[in-house]
């Protein structure tokens, strides 16, 4: 399938989820992450969900990261489809931007070379680790600038597409893992 078709399909699938299913799936994903060999690192980049779009509730993962005393890095959208990256601290103030994405207002900026693990939002993915996001290119640009050994983990409420995503291109950055409520995929 093509990316735009997948975006439409998975936005509809998400919209049909009730809050209890979303919460249960988000907790299952967080628990599955505990079984990945990723917990010896220091800096973990994670998104805060757009609740209106029924994105995965990442608060469960945040609790794990805080319990393991990890450095948590949050993205903030900047001009030109780029992201800035801020350390989450007790004094971090969060505000929704014009797309309803919760993000830090300001704070301690974290250089990209410090980031070890990135949890990536997505709408759909295939069995080769290709992913479909909202189509703005923020994460592809960010991931392309990260260290080559950064661990890229997609978080998906749904299983992978059986067919490969047809219109991938050289700017698309693939996943190392994708975690769903029922299975973890390794690429």
C-alpha atoms as a PDB file:
ATOM      1  CA  UNK A   1       0.000   0.000   0.000  1.00  0.00           C
ATOM      2  CA  UNK A   2       0.947   3.621  -0.376  1.00  0.00           C
ATOM      3  CA  UNK A   3       1.721   5.843   2.618  1.00  0.00           C
ATOM      4  CA  UNK A   4      -1.281   8.136   2.134  1.00  0.00           C
ATOM      5  CA  UNK A   5      -3.660   5.161   1.966  1.00  0.00           C
ATOM      6  CA  UNK A   6      -2.108   3.721   5.125  1.00  0.00           C
ATOM      7  CA  UNK A   7      -2.401   7.066   6.911  1.00  0.00           C
ATOM      8  CA  UNK A   8      -6.133   7.212   6.178  1.00  0.00           C
ATOM      9  CA  UNK A   9      -6.686   3.580   7.128  1.00  0.00           C
ATOM     10  CA  UNK A  10      -4.820   3.745  10.433  1.00  0.00           C
ATOM     11  CA  UNK A  11      -6.263   7.095  11.495  1.00  0.00           C
ATOM     12  CA  UNK A  12      -9.692   5.473  11.079  1.00  0.00           C
ATOM     13  CA  UNK A  13      -8.598   2.369  13.012  1.00  0.00           C
ATOM     14  CA  UNK A  14      -7.290   4.534  15.846  1.00  0.00           C
ATOM     15  CA  UNK A  15     -10.446   6.632  15.952  1.00  0.00           C
ATOM     16  CA  UNK A  16     -12.496   3.484  16.559  1.00  0.00           C
ATOM     17  CA  UNK A  17     -10.527   2.566  19.703  1.00  0.00           C
ATOM     18  CA  UNK A  18     -12.197   3.160  23.050  1.00  0.00           C
ATOM     19  CA  UNK A  19     -10.204   4.662  25.904  1.00  0.00           C
ATOM     20  CA  UNK A  20      -9.943   1.379  27.829  1.00  0.00           C
ATOM     21  CA  UNK A  21      -8.502  -0.479  24.822  1.00  0.00           C
ATOM     22  CA  UNK A  22      -6.027   2.332  24.202  1.00  0.00           C
ATOM     23  CA  UNK A  23      -4.901   2.301  27.827  1.00  0.00           C
ATOM     24  CA  UNK A  24      -4.604  -1.514  27.946  1.00  0.00           C
ATOM     25  CA  UNK A  25      -2.618  -1.553  24.683  1.00  0.00           C
ATOM     26  CA  UNK A  26      -0.323   1.234  25.891  1.00  0.00           C
ATOM     27  CA  UNK A  27       0.400  -0.675  29.112  1.00  0.00           C
ATOM     28  CA  UNK A  28       1.096  -3.889  27.157  1.00  0.00           C
ATOM     29  CA  UNK A  29       3.578  -2.026  24.955  1.00  0.00           C
ATOM     30  CA  UNK A  30       5.358  -0.563  27.996  1.00  0.00           C
ATOM     31  CA  UNK A  31       5.611  -4.010  29.602  1.00  0.00           C
ATOM     32  CA  UNK A  32       6.952  -5.532  26.367  1.00  0.00           C
ATOM     33  CA  UNK A  33       9.694  -2.893  26.248  1.00  0.00           C
ATOM     34  CA  UNK A  34      11.070  -4.283  29.514  1.00  0.00           C
ATOM     35  CA  UNK A  35      12.153  -7.406  27.599  1.00  0.00           C
ATOM     36  CA  UNK A  36      14.279  -5.544  25.049  1.00  0.00           C
ATOM     37  CA  UNK A  37      18.068  -5.252  25.558  1.00  0.00           C
ATOM     38  CA  UNK A  38      17.942  -1.457  25.803  1.00  0.00           C
ATOM     39  CA  UNK A  39      18.164  -0.684  29.504  1.00  0.00           C
ATOM     40  CA  UNK A  40      21.921  -0.171  29.910  1.00  0.00           C
ATOM     41  CA  UNK A  41      21.884   3.224  28.175  1.00  0.00           C
ATOM     42  CA  UNK A  42      21.523   6.741  29.583  1.00  0.00           C
ATOM     43  CA  UNK A  43      19.546   8.983  27.196  1.00  0.00           C
ATOM     44  CA  UNK A  44      16.064   7.974  26.006  1.00  0.00           C
ATOM     45  CA  UNK A  45      14.107  10.142  23.568  1.00  0.00           C
ATOM     46  CA  UNK A  46      10.329   9.811  23.821  1.00  0.00           C
ATOM     47  CA  UNK A  47       7.309  11.633  22.449  1.00  0.00           C
ATOM     48  CA  UNK A  48       4.310  12.814  24.422  1.00  0.00           C
ATOM     49  CA  UNK A  49       1.060  11.650  22.815  1.00  0.00           C
ATOM     50  CA  UNK A  50      -1.505  13.669  20.916  1.00  0.00           C
ATOM     51  CA  UNK A  51      -4.468  12.446  22.957  1.00  0.00           C
ATOM     52  CA  UNK A  52      -6.968  13.774  20.400  1.00  0.00           C
ATOM     53  CA  UNK A  53      -5.402  11.391  17.831  1.00  0.00           C
ATOM     54  CA  UNK A  54      -5.512   8.433  20.225  1.00  0.00           C
ATOM     55  CA  UNK A  55      -1.759   7.990  20.159  1.00  0.00           C
ATOM     56  CA  UNK A  56      -0.123   5.509  22.509  1.00  0.00           C
ATOM     57  CA  UNK A  57      -0.147   6.712  26.113  1.00  0.00           C
ATOM     58  CA  UNK A  58       3.590   7.015  26.777  1.00  0.00           C
ATOM     59  CA  UNK A  59       3.110   7.833  30.479  1.00  0.00           C
ATOM     60  CA  UNK A  60       3.684   4.133  31.305  1.00  0.00           C
ATOM     61  CA  UNK A  61       7.051   4.221  29.514  1.00  0.00           C
ATOM     62  CA  UNK A  62       7.930   7.509  31.220  1.00  0.00           C
ATOM     63  CA  UNK A  63       7.269   5.854  34.586  1.00  0.00           C
ATOM     64  CA  UNK A  64       9.641   3.000  33.681  1.00  0.00           C
ATOM     65  CA  UNK A  65      12.335   5.432  32.530  1.00  0.00           C
ATOM     66  CA  UNK A  66      12.005   7.510  35.703  1.00  0.00           C
ATOM     67  CA  UNK A  67      12.060   4.370  37.856  1.00  0.00           C
ATOM     68  CA  UNK A  68      15.287   3.286  36.170  1.00  0.00           C
ATOM     69  CA  UNK A  69      16.722   6.808  36.694  1.00  0.00           C
ATOM     70  CA  UNK A  70      17.252   7.434  32.974  1.00  0.00           C
ATOM     71  CA  UNK A  71      17.732  10.787  31.253  1.00  0.00           C
ATOM     72  CA  UNK A  72      14.518  11.497  29.365  1.00  0.00           C
ATOM     73  CA  UNK A  73      14.620  13.673  26.262  1.00  0.00           C
ATOM     74  CA  UNK A  74      11.499  15.271  24.766  1.00  0.00           C
ATOM     75  CA  UNK A  75      11.141  16.707  21.256  1.00  0.00           C
ATOM     76  CA  UNK A  76       9.918  20.166  20.372  1.00  0.00           C
ATOM     77  CA  UNK A  77       8.977  21.115  16.812  1.00  0.00           C
ATOM     78  CA  UNK A  78      11.028  23.912  15.316  1.00  0.00           C
ATOM     79  CA  UNK A  79      10.985  25.752  12.013  1.00  0.00           C
ATOM     80  CA  UNK A  80      11.735  23.882   8.813  1.00  0.00           C
ATOM     81  CA  UNK A  81      10.424  20.433   9.860  1.00  0.00           C
ATOM     82  CA  UNK A  82      13.169  20.035  12.453  1.00  0.00           C
ATOM     83  CA  UNK A  83      13.072  19.027  16.088  1.00  0.00           C
ATOM     84  CA  UNK A  84      14.813  20.444  19.135  1.00  0.00           C
ATOM     85  CA  UNK A  85      15.477  18.085  22.046  1.00  0.00           C
ATOM     86  CA  UNK A  86      15.123  18.969  25.729  1.00  0.00           C
ATOM     87  CA  UNK A  87      15.926  17.118  28.931  1.00  0.00           C
ATOM     88  CA  UNK A  88      12.836  16.399  31.035  1.00  0.00           C
ATOM     89  CA  UNK A  89      13.400  17.791  34.539  1.00  0.00           C
ATOM     90  CA  UNK A  90      11.195  18.625  37.508  1.00  0.00           C
ATOM     91  CA  UNK A  91      10.966  22.206  36.233  1.00  0.00           C
ATOM     92  CA  UNK A  92      10.110  21.376  32.597  1.00  0.00           C
ATOM     93  CA  UNK A  93       6.927  23.115  31.510  1.00  0.00           C
ATOM     94  CA  UNK A  94       4.851  21.340  28.851  1.00  0.00           C
ATOM     95  CA  UNK A  95       2.490  23.102  26.457  1.00  0.00           C
ATOM     96  CA  UNK A  96       0.523  21.896  23.428  1.00  0.00           C
ATOM     97  CA  UNK A  97       1.569  23.351  20.080  1.00  0.00           C
ATOM     98  CA  UNK A  98      -0.824  24.198  17.215  1.00  0.00           C
ATOM     99  CA  UNK A  99      -1.037  20.471  16.254  1.00  0.00           C
ATOM    100  CA  UNK A 100      -1.982  19.576  19.866  1.00  0.00           C
ATOM    101  CA  UNK A 101       1.415  17.972  20.423  1.00  0.00           C
ATOM    102  CA  UNK A 102       2.551  18.364  24.039  1.00  0.00           C
ATOM    103  CA  UNK A 103       6.123  19.619  24.069  1.00  0.00           C
ATOM    104  CA  UNK A 104       8.558  21.399  26.389  1.00  0.00           C
ATOM    105  CA  UNK A 105       8.457  25.193  26.249  1.00  0.00           C
ATOM    106  CA  UNK A 106      12.216  25.410  26.801  1.00  0.00           C
ATOM    107  CA  UNK A 107      14.886  23.878  28.983  1.00  0.00           C
ATOM    108  CA  UNK A 108      18.231  22.141  28.781  1.00  0.00           C
ATOM    109  CA  UNK A 109      18.904  21.262  25.157  1.00  0.00           C
ATOM    110  CA  UNK A 110      20.404  17.796  24.601  1.00  0.00           C
ATOM    111  CA  UNK A 111      22.890  17.280  21.740  1.00  0.00           C
ATOM    112  CA  UNK A 112      21.904  14.535  19.297  1.00  0.00           C
ATOM    113  CA  UNK A 113      25.108  12.559  19.895  1.00  0.00           C
ATOM    114  CA  UNK A 114      24.002  11.910  23.501  1.00  0.00           C
ATOM    115  CA  UNK A 115      20.750  10.148  22.536  1.00  0.00           C
ATOM    116  CA  UNK A 116      20.967   6.343  22.803  1.00  0.00           C
ATOM    117  CA  UNK A 117      17.389   5.129  22.280  1.00  0.00           C
ATOM    118  CA  UNK A 118      14.487   6.768  20.413  1.00  0.00           C
ATOM    119  CA  UNK A 119      10.851   5.751  20.867  1.00  0.00           C
ATOM    120  CA  UNK A 120       9.115   6.683  17.620  1.00  0.00           C
ATOM    121  CA  UNK A 121       5.452   7.499  17.015  1.00  0.00           C
ATOM    122  CA  UNK A 122       3.913   6.010  13.895  1.00  0.00           C
ATOM    123  CA  UNK A 123       0.640   5.200  12.223  1.00  0.00           C
ATOM    124  CA  UNK A 124       1.677   1.984  10.452  1.00  0.00           C
ATOM    125  CA  UNK A 125       4.710  -0.181   9.702  1.00  0.00           C
ATOM    126  CA  UNK A 126       5.621  -3.188   7.589  1.00  0.00           C
ATOM    127  CA  UNK A 127       7.555  -6.395   8.237  1.00  0.00           C
ATOM    128  CA  UNK A 128      10.800  -4.839   6.958  1.00  0.00           C
ATOM    129  CA  UNK A 129      10.770  -2.032   9.549  1.00  0.00           C
ATOM    130  CA  UNK A 130       9.528   0.710   7.245  1.00  0.00           C
ATOM    131  CA  UNK A 131       7.167   3.084   8.995  1.00  0.00           C
ATOM    132  CA  UNK A 132       4.482   5.598   8.136  1.00  0.00           C
ATOM    133  CA  UNK A 133       4.091   8.720  10.243  1.00  0.00           C
ATOM    134  CA  UNK A 134       2.012  11.821   9.657  1.00  0.00           C
ATOM    135  CA  UNK A 135       4.083  12.720   6.598  1.00  0.00           C
ATOM    136  CA  UNK A 136       5.861  15.896   7.688  1.00  0.00           C
ATOM    137  CA  UNK A 137       9.333  14.299   7.876  1.00  0.00           C
ATOM    138  CA  UNK A 138      10.232  15.507  11.385  1.00  0.00           C
ATOM    139  CA  UNK A 139      11.381  12.099  12.623  1.00  0.00           C
ATOM    140  CA  UNK A 140      13.160  11.054   9.417  1.00  0.00           C
ATOM    141  CA  UNK A 141      15.206  14.259   9.534  1.00  0.00           C
ATOM    142  CA  UNK A 142      15.945  13.825  13.234  1.00  0.00           C
ATOM    143  CA  UNK A 143      16.874  10.128  12.967  1.00  0.00           C
ATOM    144  CA  UNK A 144      19.164  10.776   9.997  1.00  0.00           C
ATOM    145  CA  UNK A 145      21.189  13.135  12.221  1.00  0.00           C
ATOM    146  CA  UNK A 146      21.473  10.709  15.152  1.00  0.00           C
ATOM    147  CA  UNK A 147      24.470   8.460  15.734  1.00  0.00           C
ATOM    148  CA  UNK A 148      24.440   5.376  13.467  1.00  0.00           C
ATOM    149  CA  UNK A 149      24.104   3.111  16.533  1.00  0.00           C
ATOM    150  CA  UNK A 150      21.058   4.866  18.022  1.00  0.00           C
ATOM    151  CA  UNK A 151      18.329   2.294  18.716  1.00  0.00           C
ATOM    152  CA  UNK A 152      15.094   3.150  16.894  1.00  0.00           C
ATOM    153  CA  UNK A 153      11.933   1.664  18.423  1.00  0.00           C
ATOM    154  CA  UNK A 154       8.539   2.179  16.845  1.00  0.00           C
ATOM    155  CA  UNK A 155       5.470   1.979  19.055  1.00  0.00           C
ATOM    156  CA  UNK A 156       2.355   0.693  17.289  1.00  0.00           C
ATOM    157  CA  UNK A 157      -1.152  -0.119  18.417  1.00  0.00           C
ATOM    158  CA  UNK A 158      -1.523  -2.463  15.439  1.00  0.00           C
ATOM    159  CA  UNK A 159       0.309  -5.359  13.773  1.00  0.00           C
ATOM    160  CA  UNK A 160       2.490  -4.735  10.702  1.00  0.00           C
ATOM    161  CA  UNK A 161       1.144  -4.493   7.203  1.00  0.00           C
ATOM    162  CA  UNK A 162       1.560  -7.770   5.332  1.00  0.00           C
ATOM    163  CA  UNK A 163       2.532  -5.987   2.119  1.00  0.00           C
ATOM    164  CA  UNK A 164       5.594  -3.762   2.072  1.00  0.00           C
ATOM    165  CA  UNK A 165       5.017  -0.026   2.019  1.00  0.00           C
ATOM    166  CA  UNK A 166       5.396   0.770  -1.670  1.00  0.00           C
ATOM    167  CA  UNK A 167       6.523   4.380  -1.713  1.00  0.00           C
ATOM    168  CA  UNK A 168       9.466   4.381   0.678  1.00  0.00           C
ATOM    169  CA  UNK A 169      12.418   6.521  -0.354  1.00  0.00           C
ATOM    170  CA  UNK A 170      16.041   7.183   0.573  1.00  0.00           C
ATOM    171  CA  UNK A 171      15.030   9.760   3.215  1.00  0.00           C
ATOM    172  CA  UNK A 172      12.978   7.202   5.165  1.00  0.00           C
ATOM    173  CA  UNK A 173      14.755   5.851   8.236  1.00  0.00           C
ATOM    174  CA  UNK A 174      13.803   2.293   9.188  1.00  0.00           C
ATOM    175  CA  UNK A 175      13.205   0.856  12.642  1.00  0.00           C
ATOM    176  CA  UNK A 176      15.350  -1.515  14.693  1.00  0.00           C
ATOM    177  CA  UNK A 177      12.302  -2.734  16.649  1.00  0.00           C
ATOM    178  CA  UNK A 178       8.580  -2.154  16.648  1.00  0.00           C
ATOM    179  CA  UNK A 179       6.572  -2.997  19.740  1.00  0.00           C
ATOM    180  CA  UNK A 180       2.856  -3.726  19.540  1.00  0.00           C
ATOM    181  CA  UNK A 181       0.487  -4.846  22.309  1.00  0.00           C
ATOM    182  CA  UNK A 182       0.849  -8.498  21.217  1.00  0.00           C
ATOM    183  CA  UNK A 183       4.311  -8.877  19.687  1.00  0.00           C
ATOM    184  CA  UNK A 184       7.726  -7.260  19.379  1.00  0.00           C
ATOM    185  CA  UNK A 185       9.277  -7.148  15.907  1.00  0.00           C
ATOM    186  CA  UNK A 186      13.031  -6.958  15.319  1.00  0.00           C
ATOM    187  CA  UNK A 187      14.492  -5.744  12.019  1.00  0.00           C
END
